[in-house]
Amino acid sequence: MLKIALSGCNGRMGQTVSKICAGDDRLMIAAGFDVNTEKLFSYPVYSDPFEFSGKIGAVIDFSNPASLDSLLTYCVRYKVPVVLCTTGHSDAQLEKVENASKQIPIFKSGNMSIGINLIMDLLQTMGNVLGRDYDVEIVEKHHNQKLDAPSGTALMLAEAVKGALPYDAEYVYDRHNVRRKREKNEIGIHAVRGGTIVGEHEVIFAGRDEVIEIKHSIISREVFASGAVNAAVFIASQSEPGIYDMGDYVKNKKM
């Protein structure tokens, strides 16, 4: 059985992961890391990863960007693979992730849903076929407590399309301050925040007399939690350092 540590264990996603792990015989949570050290489940909780002296095979991180530096230091020192589910990292932090990936396996994805990652494959095909004749717009919706905008998932989808287009696309986030027609090379990205929306993403290909819409909706946070648990089992089995994502997981499932 794989023993893991859960960073951000007392947050909403951390608690959801804990409940899923309790019913999964592939792994168990040996320790939790959180600024709030209240013990909500059977495992001990530490405010600092270095307070934990046990051995683990992987870490799942659902904390926040402020916790990244100490967590990466811990994982690199003890050669522990890590699943980074948190979004909103700075460029400097992303560089640290890149450097750490030269020493340990790191699973990083802006969205832990298998469905989103299958859609990314579809978007690459659509970009190749429709790219010259269709305008691309992305609309994402989340709850009113989400801090970052646009979402990491929206940017993932945009990157999937952009890489397949026959031109160098430019992301446009706000059009109200410029009065002009839409440029051909734009990908519009729009963020909606309200209520308790878990997550909705829609990619629109608008052509002459035809509109194609690809939509993905999350009903429960359990989708992200289950994806993170599967990612932990996957990344713990990787012997080579590097950055892995849900695309690698999907390819492994196909084998």
Protein backbone atom coordinates (compact mmCIF):
# COMPACT_ATOMS: atom_id res chain seq x y z
CA MET A 1 0.00 0.00 0.00
CA LEU A 2 1.26 3.45 -0.95
CA LYS A 3 1.71 5.86 1.94
CA ILE A 4 1.22 9.53 1.07
CA ALA A 5 1.20 12.94 2.72
CA LEU A 6 -1.57 15.43 1.99
CA SER A 7 -0.64 19.11 1.89
CA GLY A 8 -3.59 21.40 2.55
CA CYS A 9 -5.36 18.51 4.26
CA ASN A 10 -7.85 20.65 6.20
CA GLY A 11 -9.06 22.66 3.22
CA ARG A 12 -12.17 21.75 1.23
CA MET A 13 -10.26 19.73 -1.36
CA GLY A 14 -7.99 18.20 1.25
CA GLN A 15 -10.96 16.90 3.20
CA THR A 16 -12.48 15.49 0.02
CA VAL A 17 -9.22 13.68 -0.81
CA SER A 18 -9.11 12.30 2.74
CA LYS A 19 -12.59 10.82 2.41
CA ILE A 20 -11.76 9.23 -0.95
CA CYS A 21 -8.50 7.75 0.35
CA ALA A 22 -10.38 6.19 3.28
CA GLY A 23 -12.22 4.02 0.76
CA ASP A 24 -9.27 3.29 -1.55
CA ASP A 25 -7.18 0.25 -0.64
CA ARG A 26 -4.32 1.33 -2.93
CA LEU A 27 -3.04 4.00 -0.57
CA MET A 28 -3.31 5.58 2.85
CA ILE A 29 -2.59 9.06 4.20
CA ALA A 30 0.29 8.88 6.68
CA ALA A 31 0.40 12.61 7.47
CA GLY A 32 -1.22 15.91 6.67
CA PHE A 33 0.44 19.31 6.22
CA ASP A 34 -1.61 22.43 6.94
CA VAL A 35 -1.32 25.82 8.65
CA ASN A 36 -4.40 24.70 10.58
CA THR A 37 -3.16 21.70 12.55
CA GLU A 38 -6.57 20.56 13.77
CA LYS A 39 -6.85 16.77 13.46
CA LEU A 40 -9.98 16.07 11.39
CA PHE A 41 -9.09 12.52 10.33
CA SER A 42 -7.04 9.64 11.73
CA TYR A 43 -3.65 10.88 10.49
CA PRO A 44 -1.46 13.48 12.30
CA VAL A 45 -1.27 17.05 10.96
CA TYR A 46 1.87 19.20 10.87
CA SER A 47 2.27 22.88 10.07
CA ASP A 48 5.72 22.22 8.60
CA PRO A 49 6.51 19.16 6.42
CA PHE A 50 9.89 18.82 8.12
CA GLU A 51 8.13 18.06 11.42
CA PHE A 52 7.08 14.73 9.92
CA SER A 53 9.72 12.00 10.22
CA GLY A 54 7.94 9.08 8.59
CA LYS A 55 8.50 7.64 5.12
CA ILE A 56 6.06 8.24 2.28
CA GLY A 57 5.88 7.41 -1.42
CA ALA A 58 4.21 10.61 -2.66
CA VAL A 59 2.68 13.95 -1.68
CA ILE A 60 -0.61 15.42 -2.91
CA ASP A 61 -0.71 19.21 -2.68
CA PHE A 62 -4.06 20.99 -2.45
CA SER A 63 -2.81 23.91 -0.34
CA ASN A 64 -1.99 27.33 -1.82
CA PRO A 65 0.98 28.88 -3.64
CA ALA A 66 2.45 30.25 -0.39
CA SER A 67 3.21 26.69 0.74
CA LEU A 68 5.06 25.65 -2.41
CA ASP A 69 8.63 26.57 -1.49
CA SER A 70 8.83 24.56 1.74
CA LEU A 71 6.98 21.63 0.19
CA LEU A 72 9.32 21.45 -2.80
CA THR A 73 12.34 21.67 -0.52
CA TYR A 74 10.98 18.77 1.52
CA CYS A 75 10.20 16.63 -1.52
CA VAL A 76 13.57 17.24 -3.15
CA ARG A 77 15.49 16.54 0.06
CA TYR A 78 13.73 13.22 0.67
CA LYS A 79 13.25 12.33 -3.03
CA VAL A 80 9.48 12.17 -2.74
CA PRO A 81 7.34 12.51 -5.91
CA VAL A 82 4.67 15.18 -5.64
CA VAL A 83 1.30 15.91 -7.25
CA LEU A 84 0.79 19.69 -7.51
CA CYS A 85 -2.93 20.45 -7.76
CA THR A 86 -2.67 24.08 -6.64
CA THR A 87 -2.90 26.81 -9.28
CA GLY A 88 -1.94 30.49 -9.27
CA HIS A 89 1.83 30.06 -8.91
CA SER A 90 4.12 32.97 -9.81
CA ASP A 91 6.66 32.74 -12.62
CA ALA A 92 9.42 32.47 -10.01
CA GLN A 93 7.63 29.54 -8.37
CA LEU A 94 7.09 27.81 -11.69
CA GLU A 95 10.83 28.10 -12.29
CA LYS A 96 11.41 26.39 -8.92
CA VAL A 97 9.06 23.61 -9.97
CA GLU A 98 11.04 23.21 -13.20
CA ASN A 99 14.32 23.03 -11.27
CA ALA A 100 12.89 20.53 -8.77
CA SER A 101 11.65 18.33 -11.61
CA LYS A 102 15.26 17.66 -12.55
CA GLN A 103 15.60 15.73 -9.28
CA ILE A 104 12.16 14.22 -8.59
CA PRO A 105 9.01 13.24 -10.53
CA ILE A 106 6.43 16.05 -10.37
CA PHE A 107 2.84 15.67 -11.54
CA LYS A 108 1.43 19.10 -12.39
CA SER A 109 -1.90 19.85 -13.97
CA GLY A 110 -4.24 22.83 -13.92
CA ASN A 111 -7.12 20.37 -13.77
CA MET A 112 -7.23 16.83 -12.39
CA SER A 113 -10.27 15.79 -14.45
CA ILE A 114 -9.68 13.08 -17.03
CA GLY A 115 -12.54 14.55 -19.06
CA ILE A 116 -10.82 17.92 -19.41
CA ASN A 117 -7.64 16.27 -20.58
CA LEU A 118 -9.46 14.18 -23.18
CA ILE A 119 -11.08 17.39 -24.43
CA MET A 120 -7.60 18.90 -24.81
CA ASP A 121 -6.76 16.17 -27.33
CA LEU A 122 -9.96 16.94 -29.21
CA LEU A 123 -9.19 20.69 -29.22
CA GLN A 124 -5.81 20.06 -30.83
CA THR A 125 -7.53 18.23 -33.69
CA MET A 126 -10.13 20.98 -34.03
CA GLY A 127 -7.42 23.64 -34.07
CA ASN A 128 -5.64 21.84 -36.88
CA VAL A 129 -8.77 21.42 -38.99
CA LEU A 130 -10.69 24.62 -38.25
CA GLY A 131 -7.92 27.04 -37.31
CA ARG A 132 -7.90 29.35 -40.31
CA ASP A 133 -11.65 29.76 -40.64
CA TYR A 134 -12.99 29.82 -37.08
CA ASP A 135 -12.60 32.27 -34.20
CA VAL A 136 -11.82 30.72 -30.82
CA GLU A 137 -13.29 31.97 -27.54
CA ILE A 138 -13.11 30.40 -24.07
CA VAL A 139 -15.56 31.06 -21.24
CA GLU A 140 -14.90 29.72 -17.74
CA LYS A 141 -17.17 29.90 -14.68
CA HIS A 142 -16.27 29.33 -11.03
CA HIS A 143 -17.55 30.05 -7.54
CA ASN A 144 -17.25 33.50 -5.99
CA GLN A 145 -14.39 32.47 -3.68
CA LYS A 146 -11.91 31.58 -6.43
CA LEU A 147 -8.87 33.86 -6.35
CA ASP A 148 -7.20 33.45 -9.73
CA ALA A 149 -8.66 34.45 -13.08
CA PRO A 150 -8.61 33.11 -15.67
CA SER A 151 -8.56 29.60 -14.26
CA GLY A 152 -5.60 27.32 -14.75
CA THR A 153 -7.89 25.01 -16.72
CA ALA A 154 -8.90 27.79 -19.12
CA LEU A 155 -5.23 28.47 -19.81
CA MET A 156 -4.62 24.74 -20.35
CA LEU A 157 -7.42 24.64 -22.91
CA ALA A 158 -6.12 27.78 -24.58
CA GLU A 159 -2.63 26.30 -24.83
CA ALA A 160 -4.04 23.11 -26.37
CA VAL A 161 -5.78 25.12 -29.09
CA LYS A 162 -2.94 27.58 -29.59
CA GLY A 163 -0.41 24.84 -30.24
CA ALA A 164 -2.51 23.51 -33.12
CA LEU A 165 -3.42 26.79 -34.82
CA PRO A 166 -1.64 27.81 -38.05
CA TYR A 167 -0.86 31.25 -36.62
CA ASP A 168 0.65 32.73 -33.46
CA ALA A 169 -2.42 33.30 -31.31
CA GLU A 170 -2.70 36.14 -28.79
CA TYR A 171 -4.73 35.82 -25.59
CA VAL A 172 -7.20 38.65 -25.02
CA TYR A 173 -8.77 38.92 -21.56
CA ASP A 174 -10.60 42.23 -21.69
CA ARG A 175 -12.11 44.08 -24.62
CA HIS A 176 -14.07 46.87 -22.97
CA ASN A 177 -11.25 49.41 -23.06
CA VAL A 178 -10.43 49.05 -26.77
CA ARG A 179 -12.96 49.81 -29.51
CA ARG A 180 -11.94 47.70 -32.48
CA LYS A 181 -12.95 44.65 -34.43
CA ARG A 182 -11.76 41.28 -33.26
CA GLU A 183 -8.33 40.43 -34.62
CA LYS A 184 -8.02 37.12 -36.45
CA ASN A 185 -5.20 35.86 -34.21
CA GLU A 186 -7.07 36.37 -30.93
CA ILE A 187 -8.19 33.74 -28.44
CA GLY A 188 -10.64 35.43 -26.11
CA ILE A 189 -10.62 34.17 -22.51
CA HIS A 190 -13.47 35.24 -20.23
CA ALA A 191 -13.94 34.58 -16.49
CA VAL A 192 -17.27 34.45 -14.64
CA ARG A 193 -17.36 34.32 -10.82
CA GLY A 194 -20.51 33.65 -8.85
CA GLY A 195 -22.33 31.49 -6.34
CA THR A 196 -21.07 27.98 -5.75
CA ILE A 197 -20.19 26.98 -9.34
CA VAL A 198 -17.60 24.22 -9.02
CA GLY A 199 -16.24 24.66 -12.52
CA GLU A 200 -17.52 25.07 -16.08
CA HIS A 201 -15.45 25.54 -19.22
CA GLU A 202 -16.67 26.17 -22.73
CA VAL A 203 -14.56 26.45 -25.87
CA ILE A 204 -16.31 28.09 -28.81
CA PHE A 205 -15.24 27.73 -32.45
CA ALA A 206 -17.26 30.36 -34.34
CA GLY A 207 -17.10 30.21 -38.13
CA ARG A 208 -19.19 31.51 -40.99
CA ASP A 209 -22.77 30.35 -40.37
CA GLU A 210 -21.60 27.64 -37.95
CA VAL A 211 -20.72 27.51 -34.25
CA ILE A 212 -19.18 24.50 -32.51
CA GLU A 213 -19.15 24.46 -28.70
CA ILE A 214 -17.22 22.05 -26.49
CA LYS A 215 -18.38 22.23 -22.89
CA HIS A 216 -17.25 20.55 -19.68
CA SER A 217 -19.00 20.88 -16.31
CA ILE A 218 -17.91 19.67 -12.89
CA ILE A 219 -20.77 18.69 -10.57
CA SER A 220 -18.68 17.79 -7.53
CA ARG A 221 -15.16 18.42 -6.27
CA GLU A 222 -14.77 14.66 -5.96
CA VAL A 223 -13.77 14.62 -9.63
CA PHE A 224 -10.62 16.63 -8.82
CA ALA A 225 -9.92 14.61 -5.67
CA SER A 226 -10.22 11.27 -7.46
CA GLY A 227 -7.95 12.54 -10.22
CA ALA A 228 -5.34 13.61 -7.68
CA VAL A 229 -5.43 10.21 -5.97
CA ASN A 230 -4.97 8.43 -9.30
CA ALA A 231 -2.15 10.84 -10.14
CA ALA A 232 -0.41 10.04 -6.84
CA VAL A 233 -0.47 6.31 -7.57
CA PHE A 234 0.84 7.02 -11.08
CA ILE A 235 3.64 9.42 -10.10
CA ALA A 236 4.85 7.15 -7.29
CA SER A 237 5.56 4.50 -9.94
CA GLN A 238 7.73 6.79 -12.07
CA SER A 239 11.45 6.24 -11.70
CA GLU A 240 12.64 9.17 -13.81
CA PRO A 241 12.59 12.81 -12.67
CA GLY A 242 10.57 15.22 -14.77
CA ILE A 243 7.26 17.01 -15.07
CA TYR A 244 4.28 14.74 -15.77
CA ASP A 245 0.67 15.71 -16.38
CA MET A 246 -2.75 14.15 -16.87
CA GLY A 247 -1.90 13.57 -20.52
CA ASP A 248 0.85 11.18 -19.41
CA TYR A 249 -1.61 9.46 -17.10
CA VAL A 250 -4.15 9.04 -19.91
CA LYS A 251 -1.47 7.62 -22.23
CA ASN A 252 -0.48 5.16 -19.50
CA LYS A 253 -4.11 4.06 -19.16
CA LYS A 254 -4.27 3.36 -22.91
CA MET A 255 -1.25 1.05 -22.77
